[in-house]
Full PDB file with SEQRES, HELIX, SHEET, SSBOND, CRYST1, ORIGX, SCALE, CONECT and MASTER records, all heavy atoms in Angstrom:
SEQRES   1 A   34  THR THR GLY LEU ALA VAL LEU LYS LYS THR ASP LEU PHE          
SEQRES   2 A   34  THR ASP SER SER PHE VAL GLU SER TRP LEU GLY ALA GLN          
SEQRES   3 A   34  ARG VAL ASP SER LEU ALA ARG ILE                              
HELIX    1 AA1 THR A    2  VAL A    6  5                                   5    
HELIX    2 AA2 SER A   16  ALA A   25  1                                  10    
HELIX    3 AA3 SER A   30  ARG A   33  1                                   4    
CRYST1    1.000    1.000    1.000  90.00  90.00  90.00 P 1           1          
ORIGX1      1.000000  0.000000  0.000000        0.00000                         
ORIGX2      0.000000  1.000000  0.000000        0.00000                         
ORIGX3      0.000000  0.000000  1.000000        0.00000                         
SCALE1      1.000000  0.000000  0.000000        0.00000                         
SCALE2      0.000000  1.000000  0.000000        0.00000                         
SCALE3      0.000000  0.000000  1.000000        0.00000                         
ATOM      1  N   THR A   1       0.808  -1.224   0.000  1.00  0.00           N  
ATOM      2  CA  THR A   1       0.000   0.000   0.000  1.00  0.00           C  
ATOM      3  C   THR A   1       0.835   1.264   0.000  1.00  0.00           C  
ATOM      4  O   THR A   1       0.285   2.358  -0.009  1.00  0.00           O  
ATOM      5  CB  THR A   1      -0.922   0.020   1.240  1.00  0.00           C  
ATOM      6  OG1 THR A   1      -0.096  -0.013   2.417  1.00  0.00           O  
ATOM      7  CG2 THR A   1      -1.856  -1.168   1.241  1.00  0.00           C  
ATOM      8  N   THR A   2       2.155   1.134   0.015  1.00  0.00           N  
ATOM      9  CA  THR A   2       2.983   2.342   0.080  1.00  0.00           C  
ATOM     10  C   THR A   2       2.770   3.234  -1.130  1.00  0.00           C  
ATOM     11  O   THR A   2       2.913   4.450  -1.045  1.00  0.00           O  
ATOM     12  CB  THR A   2       4.469   1.968   0.181  1.00  0.00           C  
ATOM     13  OG1 THR A   2       4.819   1.150  -0.929  1.00  0.00           O  
ATOM     14  CG2 THR A   2       4.755   1.212   1.463  1.00  0.00           C  
ATOM     15  N   GLY A   3       2.424   2.642  -2.246  1.00  0.00           N  
ATOM     16  CA  GLY A   3       2.239   3.425  -3.455  1.00  0.00           C  
ATOM     17  C   GLY A   3       1.012   4.318  -3.402  1.00  0.00           C  
ATOM     18  O   GLY A   3       0.902   5.280  -4.160  1.00  0.00           O  
ATOM     19  N   LEU A   4       0.053   4.050  -2.515  1.00  0.00           N  
ATOM     20  CA  LEU A   4      -1.153   4.860  -2.446  1.00  0.00           C  
ATOM     21  C   LEU A   4      -0.856   6.296  -2.042  1.00  0.00           C  
ATOM     22  O   LEU A   4      -1.586   7.223  -2.377  1.00  0.00           O  
ATOM     23  CB  LEU A   4      -2.136   4.245  -1.445  1.00  0.00           C  
ATOM     24  CG  LEU A   4      -2.717   2.882  -1.843  1.00  0.00           C  
ATOM     25  CD1 LEU A   4      -3.622   2.361  -0.743  1.00  0.00           C  
ATOM     26  CD2 LEU A   4      -3.480   2.991  -3.155  1.00  0.00           C  
ATOM     27  N   ALA A   5       0.259   6.482  -1.331  1.00  0.00           N  
ATOM     28  CA  ALA A   5       0.609   7.820  -0.859  1.00  0.00           C  
ATOM     29  C   ALA A   5       1.051   8.731  -2.000  1.00  0.00           C  
ATOM     30  O   ALA A   5       1.066   9.948  -1.850  1.00  0.00           O  
ATOM     31  CB  ALA A   5       1.714   7.731   0.184  1.00  0.00           C  
ATOM     32  N   VAL A   6       1.390   8.147  -3.128  1.00  0.00           N  
ATOM     33  CA  VAL A   6       1.882   8.968  -4.231  1.00  0.00           C  
ATOM     34  C   VAL A   6       0.931   8.930  -5.426  1.00  0.00           C  
ATOM     35  O   VAL A   6       1.327   9.243  -6.544  1.00  0.00           O  
ATOM     36  CB  VAL A   6       3.288   8.497  -4.664  1.00  0.00           C  
ATOM     37  CG1 VAL A   6       4.289   8.742  -3.570  1.00  0.00           C  
ATOM     38  CG2 VAL A   6       3.286   7.034  -5.084  1.00  0.00           C  
ATOM     39  N   LEU A   7      -0.324   8.544  -5.207  1.00  0.00           N  
ATOM     40  CA  LEU A   7      -1.286   8.555  -6.298  1.00  0.00           C  
ATOM     41  C   LEU A   7      -1.451   9.967  -6.843  1.00  0.00           C  
ATOM     42  O   LEU A   7      -1.472  10.949  -6.094  1.00  0.00           O  
ATOM     43  CB  LEU A   7      -2.646   8.040  -5.817  1.00  0.00           C  
ATOM     44  CG  LEU A   7      -2.766   6.538  -5.571  1.00  0.00           C  
ATOM     45  CD1 LEU A   7      -4.161   6.208  -5.059  1.00  0.00           C  
ATOM     46  CD2 LEU A   7      -2.473   5.762  -6.834  1.00  0.00           C  
ATOM     47  N   LYS A   8      -1.544  10.039  -8.166  1.00  0.00           N  
ATOM     48  CA  LYS A   8      -1.734  11.331  -8.807  1.00  0.00           C  
ATOM     49  C   LYS A   8      -3.136  11.404  -9.390  1.00  0.00           C  
ATOM     50  O   LYS A   8      -3.746  10.389  -9.704  1.00  0.00           O  
ATOM     51  CB  LYS A   8      -0.706  11.510  -9.921  1.00  0.00           C  
ATOM     52  CG  LYS A   8       0.738  11.401  -9.446  1.00  0.00           C  
ATOM     53  CD  LYS A   8       1.679  11.463 -10.634  1.00  0.00           C  
ATOM     54  CE  LYS A   8       3.115  11.271 -10.191  1.00  0.00           C  
ATOM     55  NZ  LYS A   8       4.050  11.261 -11.339  1.00  0.00           N  
ATOM     56  N   LYS A   9      -3.612  12.592  -9.542  1.00  0.00           N  
ATOM     57  CA  LYS A   9      -4.932  12.754 -10.132  1.00  0.00           C  
ATOM     58  C   LYS A   9      -4.958  12.250 -11.572  1.00  0.00           C  
ATOM     59  O   LYS A   9      -6.015  11.916 -12.097  1.00  0.00           O  
ATOM     60  CB  LYS A   9      -5.338  14.229 -10.090  1.00  0.00           C  
ATOM     61  CG  LYS A   9      -5.582  14.751  -8.684  1.00  0.00           C  
ATOM     62  CD  LYS A   9      -6.030  16.209  -8.714  1.00  0.00           C  
ATOM     63  CE  LYS A   9      -6.280  16.723  -7.309  1.00  0.00           C  
ATOM     64  NZ  LYS A   9      -6.709  18.147  -7.307  1.00  0.00           N  
ATOM     65  N   THR A  10      -3.769  12.198 -12.166  1.00  0.00           N  
ATOM     66  CA  THR A  10      -3.713  11.756 -13.562  1.00  0.00           C  
ATOM     67  C   THR A  10      -3.525  10.247 -13.698  1.00  0.00           C  
ATOM     68  O   THR A  10      -3.462   9.744 -14.816  1.00  0.00           O  
ATOM     69  CB  THR A  10      -2.548  12.463 -14.281  1.00  0.00           C  
ATOM     70  OG1 THR A  10      -1.347  12.206 -13.555  1.00  0.00           O  
ATOM     71  CG2 THR A  10      -2.788  13.961 -14.374  1.00  0.00           C  
ATOM     72  N   ASP A  11      -3.405   9.525 -12.577  1.00  0.00           N  
ATOM     73  CA  ASP A  11      -3.257   8.070 -12.664  1.00  0.00           C  
ATOM     74  C   ASP A  11      -4.499   7.460 -13.298  1.00  0.00           C  
ATOM     75  O   ASP A  11      -5.644   7.860 -13.002  1.00  0.00           O  
ATOM     76  CB  ASP A  11      -3.039   7.462 -11.276  1.00  0.00           C  
ATOM     77  CG  ASP A  11      -1.606   7.650 -10.801  1.00  0.00           C  
ATOM     78  OD1 ASP A  11      -0.732   7.878 -11.655  1.00  0.00           O  
ATOM     79  OD2 ASP A  11      -1.383   7.577  -9.581  1.00  0.00           O  
ATOM     80  N   LEU A  12      -4.294   6.504 -14.153  1.00  0.00           N  
ATOM     81  CA  LEU A  12      -5.381   5.793 -14.812  1.00  0.00           C  
ATOM     82  C   LEU A  12      -5.535   4.417 -14.173  1.00  0.00           C  
ATOM     83  O   LEU A  12      -4.562   3.805 -13.759  1.00  0.00           O  
ATOM     84  CB  LEU A  12      -5.086   5.641 -16.306  1.00  0.00           C  
ATOM     85  CG  LEU A  12      -4.827   6.940 -17.071  1.00  0.00           C  
ATOM     86  CD1 LEU A  12      -4.503   6.621 -18.534  1.00  0.00           C  
ATOM     87  CD2 LEU A  12      -6.024   7.879 -16.983  1.00  0.00           C  
ATOM     88  N   PHE A  13      -6.767   3.926 -14.108  1.00  0.00           N  
ATOM     89  CA  PHE A  13      -7.055   2.657 -13.461  1.00  0.00           C  
ATOM     90  C   PHE A  13      -7.934   1.782 -14.345  1.00  0.00           C  
ATOM     91  O   PHE A  13      -8.694   2.256 -15.171  1.00  0.00           O  
ATOM     92  CB  PHE A  13      -7.791   2.881 -12.135  1.00  0.00           C  
ATOM     93  CG  PHE A  13      -6.961   3.508 -11.055  1.00  0.00           C  
ATOM     94  CD1 PHE A  13      -6.791   4.885 -11.007  1.00  0.00           C  
ATOM     95  CD2 PHE A  13      -6.340   2.725 -10.095  1.00  0.00           C  
ATOM     96  CE1 PHE A  13      -6.022   5.463 -10.015  1.00  0.00           C  
ATOM     97  CE2 PHE A  13      -5.570   3.295  -9.106  1.00  0.00           C  
ATOM     98  CZ  PHE A  13      -5.409   4.675  -9.066  1.00  0.00           C  
ATOM     99  N   THR A  14      -7.804   0.488 -14.123  1.00  0.00           N  
ATOM    100  CA  THR A  14      -8.767  -0.478 -14.644  1.00  0.00           C  
ATOM    101  C   THR A  14      -9.345  -1.199 -13.433  1.00  0.00           C  
ATOM    102  O   THR A  14      -9.238  -0.704 -12.307  1.00  0.00           O  
ATOM    103  CB  THR A  14      -8.095  -1.454 -15.633  1.00  0.00           C  
ATOM    104  OG1 THR A  14      -9.095  -2.318 -16.146  1.00  0.00           O  
ATOM    105  CG2 THR A  14      -6.980  -2.244 -14.983  1.00  0.00           C  
ATOM    106  N   ASP A  15      -9.960  -2.355 -13.628  1.00  0.00           N  
ATOM    107  CA  ASP A  15     -10.434  -3.141 -12.478  1.00  0.00           C  
ATOM    108  C   ASP A  15     -10.259  -4.624 -12.789  1.00  0.00           C  
ATOM    109  O   ASP A  15      -9.899  -5.014 -13.906  1.00  0.00           O  
ATOM    110  CB  ASP A  15     -11.885  -2.810 -12.111  1.00  0.00           C  
ATOM    111  CG  ASP A  15     -12.879  -3.147 -13.208  1.00  0.00           C  
ATOM    112  OD1 ASP A  15     -12.509  -3.906 -14.143  1.00  0.00           O  
ATOM    113  OD2 ASP A  15     -14.017  -2.673 -13.136  1.00  0.00           O  
ATOM    114  N   SER A  16     -10.493  -5.455 -11.803  1.00  0.00           N  
ATOM    115  CA  SER A  16     -10.249  -6.887 -11.971  1.00  0.00           C  
ATOM    116  C   SER A  16     -11.167  -7.496 -13.024  1.00  0.00           C  
ATOM    117  O   SER A  16     -10.764  -8.416 -13.748  1.00  0.00           O  
ATOM    118  CB  SER A  16     -10.409  -7.621 -10.637  1.00  0.00           C  
ATOM    119  OG  SER A  16     -11.724  -7.484 -10.144  1.00  0.00           O  
ATOM    120  N   SER A  17     -12.385  -6.998 -13.125  1.00  0.00           N  
ATOM    121  CA  SER A  17     -13.315  -7.545 -14.111  1.00  0.00           C  
ATOM    122  C   SER A  17     -12.803  -7.329 -15.532  1.00  0.00           C  
ATOM    123  O   SER A  17     -12.856  -8.231 -16.376  1.00  0.00           O  
ATOM    124  CB  SER A  17     -14.695  -6.897 -13.959  1.00  0.00           C  
ATOM    125  OG  SER A  17     -15.265  -7.215 -12.715  1.00  0.00           O  
ATOM    126  N   PHE A  18     -12.281  -6.136 -15.777  1.00  0.00           N  
ATOM    127  CA  PHE A  18     -11.782  -5.854 -17.112  1.00  0.00           C  
ATOM    128  C   PHE A  18     -10.518  -6.658 -17.397  1.00  0.00           C  
ATOM    129  O   PHE A  18     -10.336  -7.165 -18.512  1.00  0.00           O  
ATOM    130  CB  PHE A  18     -11.503  -4.360 -17.276  1.00  0.00           C  
ATOM    131  CG  PHE A  18     -11.283  -3.953 -18.715  1.00  0.00           C  
ATOM    132  CD1 PHE A  18     -12.356  -3.567 -19.504  1.00  0.00           C  
ATOM    133  CD2 PHE A  18     -10.020  -3.995 -19.285  1.00  0.00           C  
ATOM    134  CE1 PHE A  18     -12.170  -3.216 -20.842  1.00  0.00           C  
ATOM    135  CE2 PHE A  18      -9.824  -3.648 -20.611  1.00  0.00           C  
ATOM    136  CZ  PHE A  18     -10.907  -3.259 -21.397  1.00  0.00           C  
ATOM    137  N   VAL A  19      -9.638  -6.783 -16.400  1.00  0.00           N  
ATOM    138  CA  VAL A  19      -8.428  -7.577 -16.577  1.00  0.00           C  
ATOM    139  C   VAL A  19      -8.789  -9.010 -16.932  1.00  0.00           C  
ATOM    140  O   VAL A  19      -8.242  -9.602 -17.872  1.00  0.00           O  
ATOM    141  CB  VAL A  19      -7.542  -7.536 -15.318  1.00  0.00           C  
ATOM    142  CG1 VAL A  19      -6.406  -8.551 -15.409  1.00  0.00           C  
ATOM    143  CG2 VAL A  19      -6.985  -6.134 -15.102  1.00  0.00           C  
ATOM    144  N   GLU A  20      -9.748  -9.582 -16.177  1.00  0.00           N  
ATOM    145  CA  GLU A  20     -10.150 -10.964 -16.439  1.00  0.00           C  
ATOM    146  C   GLU A  20     -10.826 -11.099 -17.796  1.00  0.00           C  
ATOM    147  O   GLU A  20     -10.630 -12.091 -18.504  1.00  0.00           O  
ATOM    148  CB  GLU A  20     -11.083 -11.463 -15.333  1.00  0.00           C  
ATOM    149  CG  GLU A  20     -10.412 -11.658 -13.988  1.00  0.00           C  
ATOM    150  CD  GLU A  20      -9.252 -12.628 -14.061  1.00  0.00           C  
ATOM    151  OE1 GLU A  20      -9.249 -13.527 -14.920  1.00  0.00           O  
ATOM    152  OE2 GLU A  20      -8.316 -12.484 -13.252  1.00  0.00           O  
ATOM    153  N   SER A  21     -11.607 -10.103 -18.169  1.00  0.00           N  
ATOM    154  CA  SER A  21     -12.272 -10.142 -19.473  1.00  0.00           C  
ATOM    155  C   SER A  21     -11.238 -10.128 -20.600  1.00  0.00           C  
ATOM    156  O   SER A  21     -11.345 -10.892 -21.571  1.00  0.00           O  
ATOM    157  CB  SER A  21     -13.216  -8.943 -19.602  1.00  0.00           C  
ATOM    158  OG  SER A  21     -13.770  -8.890 -20.898  1.00  0.00           O  
ATOM    159  N   TRP A  22     -10.233  -9.272 -20.448  1.00  0.00           N  
ATOM    160  CA  TRP A  22      -9.204  -9.183 -21.477  1.00  0.00           C  
ATOM    161  C   TRP A  22      -8.413 -10.486 -21.555  1.00  0.00           C  
ATOM    162  O   TRP A  22      -8.182 -11.009 -22.643  1.00  0.00           O  
ATOM    163  CB  TRP A  22      -8.262  -8.011 -21.171  1.00  0.00           C  
ATOM    164  CG  TRP A  22      -7.303  -7.714 -22.291  1.00  0.00           C  
ATOM    165  CD1 TRP A  22      -7.471  -6.826 -23.301  1.00  0.00           C  
ATOM    166  CD2 TRP A  22      -6.035  -8.341 -22.509  1.00  0.00           C  
ATOM    167  NE1 TRP A  22      -6.385  -6.856 -24.150  1.00  0.00           N  
ATOM    168  CE2 TRP A  22      -5.480  -7.778 -23.688  1.00  0.00           C  
ATOM    169  CE3 TRP A  22      -5.307  -9.321 -21.853  1.00  0.00           C  
ATOM    170  CZ2 TRP A  22      -4.243  -8.147 -24.200  1.00  0.00           C  
ATOM    171  CZ3 TRP A  22      -4.076  -9.702 -22.355  1.00  0.00           C  
ATOM    172  CH2 TRP A  22      -3.551  -9.115 -23.509  1.00  0.00           C  
ATOM    173  N   LEU A  23      -8.007 -11.011 -20.418  1.00  0.00           N  
ATOM    174  CA  LEU A  23      -7.242 -12.259 -20.405  1.00  0.00           C  
ATOM    175  C   LEU A  23      -8.053 -13.412 -20.975  1.00  0.00           C  
ATOM    176  O   LEU A  23      -7.516 -14.296 -21.643  1.00  0.00           O  
ATOM    177  CB  LEU A  23      -6.785 -12.587 -18.975  1.00  0.00           C  
ATOM    178  CG  LEU A  23      -5.723 -11.670 -18.378  1.00  0.00           C  
ATOM    179  CD1 LEU A  23      -5.492 -12.009 -16.901  1.00  0.00           C  
ATOM    180  CD2 LEU A  23      -4.409 -11.781 -19.153  1.00  0.00           C  
ATOM    181  N   GLY A  24      -9.351 -13.402 -20.708  1.00  0.00           N  
ATOM    182  CA  GLY A  24     -10.202 -14.471 -21.223  1.00  0.00           C  
ATOM    183  C   GLY A  24     -10.367 -14.431 -22.727  1.00  0.00           C  
ATOM    184  O   GLY A  24     -10.619 -15.458 -23.361  1.00  0.00           O  
ATOM    185  N   ALA A  25     -10.226 -13.241 -23.301  1.00  0.00           N  
ATOM    186  CA  ALA A  25     -10.434 -13.091 -24.741  1.00  0.00           C  
ATOM    187  C   ALA A  25      -9.163 -13.333 -25.544  1.00  0.00           C  
ATOM    188  O   ALA A  25      -9.211 -13.463 -26.767  1.00  0.00           O  
ATOM    189  CB  ALA A  25     -10.964 -11.691 -25.048  1.00  0.00           C  
ATOM    190  N   GLN A  26      -8.024 -13.383 -24.861  1.00  0.00           N  
ATOM    191  CA  GLN A  26      -6.741 -13.523 -25.549  1.00  0.00           C  
ATOM    192  C   GLN A  26      -6.110 -14.880 -25.266  1.00  0.00           C  
ATOM    193  O   GLN A  26      -6.302 -15.453 -24.197  1.00  0.00           O  
ATOM    194  CB  GLN A  26      -5.767 -12.422 -25.094  1.00  0.00           C  
ATOM    195  CG  GLN A  26      -6.310 -11.021 -25.240  1.00  0.00           C  
ATOM    196  CD  GLN A  26      -6.667 -10.696 -26.688  1.00  0.00           C  
ATOM    197  OE1 GLN A  26      -5.908 -11.025 -27.600  1.00  0.00           O  
ATOM    198  NE2 GLN A  26      -7.808 -10.073 -26.887  1.00  0.00           N  
ATOM    199  N   ARG A  27      -5.336 -15.374 -26.224  1.00  0.00           N  
ATOM    200  CA  ARG A  27      -4.588 -16.613 -26.029  1.00  0.00           C  
ATOM    201  C   ARG A  27      -3.242 -16.266 -25.387  1.00  0.00           C  
ATOM    202  O   ARG A  27      -2.217 -16.192 -26.040  1.00  0.00           O  
ATOM    203  CB  ARG A  27      -4.385 -17.319 -27.361  1.00  0.00           C  
ATOM    204  CG  ARG A  27      -5.638 -17.981 -27.892  1.00  0.00           C  
ATOM    205  CD  ARG A  27      -5.593 -18.167 -29.391  1.00  0.00           C  
ATOM    206  NE  ARG A  27      -4.342 -18.789 -29.843  1.00  0.00           N  
ATOM    207  CZ  ARG A  27      -3.893 -18.671 -31.089  1.00  0.00           C  
ATOM    208  NH1 ARG A  27      -4.551 -17.916 -31.954  1.00  0.00           N  
ATOM    209  NH2 ARG A  27      -2.793 -19.280 -31.454  1.00  0.00           N  
ATOM    210  N   VAL A  28      -3.290 -16.035 -24.093  1.00  0.00           N  
ATOM    211  CA  VAL A  28      -2.104 -15.642 -23.346  1.00  0.00           C  
ATOM    212  C   VAL A  28      -1.558 -16.869 -22.617  1.00  0.00           C  
ATOM    213  O   VAL A  28      -2.318 -17.639 -22.035  1.00  0.00           O  
ATOM    214  CB  VAL A  28      -2.440 -14.536 -22.318  1.00  0.00           C  
ATOM    215  CG1 VAL A  28      -1.197 -14.111 -21.564  1.00  0.00           C  
ATOM    216  CG2 VAL A  28      -3.088 -13.351 -23.021  1.00  0.00           C  
ATOM    217  N   ASP A  29      -0.241 -17.057 -22.639  1.00  0.00           N  
ATOM    218  CA  ASP A  29       0.314 -18.229 -21.974  1.00  0.00           C  
ATOM    219  C   ASP A  29       0.060 -18.166 -20.480  1.00  0.00           C  
ATOM    220  O   ASP A  29      -0.134 -17.098 -19.899  1.00  0.00           O  
ATOM    221  CB  ASP A  29       1.806 -18.371 -22.280  1.00  0.00           C  
ATOM    222  CG  ASP A  29       2.680 -17.431 -21.498  1.00  0.00           C  
ATOM    223  OD1 ASP A  29       3.046 -17.780 -20.369  1.00  0.00           O  
ATOM    224  OD2 ASP A  29       2.991 -16.343 -22.014  1.00  0.00           O  
ATOM    225  N   SER A  30       0.041 -19.316 -19.830  1.00  0.00           N  
ATOM    226  CA  SER A  30      -0.392 -19.410 -18.439  1.00  0.00           C  
ATOM    227  C   SER A  30       0.486 -18.602 -17.495  1.00  0.00           C  
ATOM    228  O   SER A  30      -0.012 -17.974 -16.559  1.00  0.00           O  
ATOM    229  CB  SER A  30      -0.428 -20.879 -17.990  1.00  0.00           C  
ATOM    230  OG  SER A  30       0.842 -21.485 -18.129  1.00  0.00           O  
ATOM    231  N   LEU A  31       1.808 -18.599 -17.713  1.00  0.00           N  
ATOM    232  CA  LEU A  31       2.697 -17.842 -16.831  1.00  0.00           C  
ATOM    233  C   LEU A  31       2.433 -16.347 -16.938  1.00  0.00           C  
ATOM    234  O   LEU A  31       2.386 -15.637 -15.927  1.00  0.00           O  
ATOM    235  CB  LEU A  31       4.150 -18.158 -17.164  1.00  0.00           C  
ATOM    236  CG  LEU A  31       4.635 -19.571 -16.846  1.00  0.00           C  
ATOM    237  CD1 LEU A  31       6.074 -19.746 -17.294  1.00  0.00           C  
ATOM    238  CD2 LEU A  31       4.499 -19.864 -15.357  1.00  0.00           C  
ATOM    239  N   ALA A  32       2.282 -15.845 -18.160  1.00  0.00           N  
ATOM    240  CA  ALA A  32       2.000 -14.422 -18.344  1.00  0.00           C  
ATOM    241  C   ALA A  32       0.621 -14.069 -17.803  1.00  0.00           C  
ATOM    242  O   ALA A  32       0.410 -12.981 -17.251  1.00  0.00           O  
ATOM    243  CB  ALA A  32       2.092 -14.058 -19.825  1.00  0.00           C  
ATOM    244  N   ARG A  33      -0.331 -14.981 -17.922  1.00  0.00           N  
ATOM    245  CA  ARG A  33      -1.681 -14.740 -17.402  1.00  0.00           C  
ATOM    246  C   ARG A  33      -1.645 -14.546 -15.885  1.00  0.00           C  
ATOM    247  O   ARG A  33      -2.219 -13.600 -15.337  1.00  0.00           O  
ATOM    248  CB  ARG A  33      -2.582 -15.920 -17.774  1.00  0.00           C  
ATOM    249  CG  ARG A  33      -4.045 -15.773 -17.368  1.00  0.00           C  
ATOM    250  CD  ARG A  33      -4.799 -17.063 -17.661  1.00  0.00           C  
ATOM    251  NE  ARG A  33      -4.700 -17.419 -19.067  1.00  0.00           N  
ATOM    252  CZ  ARG A  33      -5.498 -16.939 -20.020  1.00  0.00           C  
ATOM    253  NH1 ARG A  33      -6.461 -16.098 -19.702  1.00  0.00           N  
ATOM    254  NH2 ARG A  33      -5.345 -17.311 -21.270  1.00  0.00           N  
ATOM    255  N   ILE A  34      -0.969 -15.463 -15.204  1.00  0.00           N  
ATOM    256  CA  ILE A  34      -0.878 -15.383 -13.742  1.00  0.00           C  
ATOM    257  C   ILE A  34      -0.150 -14.113 -13.318  1.00  0.00           C  
ATOM    258  O   ILE A  34      -0.577 -13.402 -12.400  1.00  0.00           O  
ATOM    259  CB  ILE A  34      -0.165 -16.632 -13.188  1.00  0.00           C  
ATOM    260  CG1 ILE A  34      -1.032 -17.869 -13.410  1.00  0.00           C  
ATOM    261  CG2 ILE A  34       0.164 -16.469 -11.704  1.00  0.00           C  
ATOM    262  CD1 ILE A  34      -0.298 -19.183 -13.147  1.00  0.00           C  
TER     263      ILE A  34                                                      
MASTER        0    0    0    3    0    0    0    6  262    1    0    3          
END                                                                             
């Protein structure tokens, strides 16, 4: 959590649902997926 102290207003975020959706749609090798 140390990085939370330096969050900028310009930081961009995604969420776990989108990450999982993207990984599910791509043929990504298991090590890179994890």
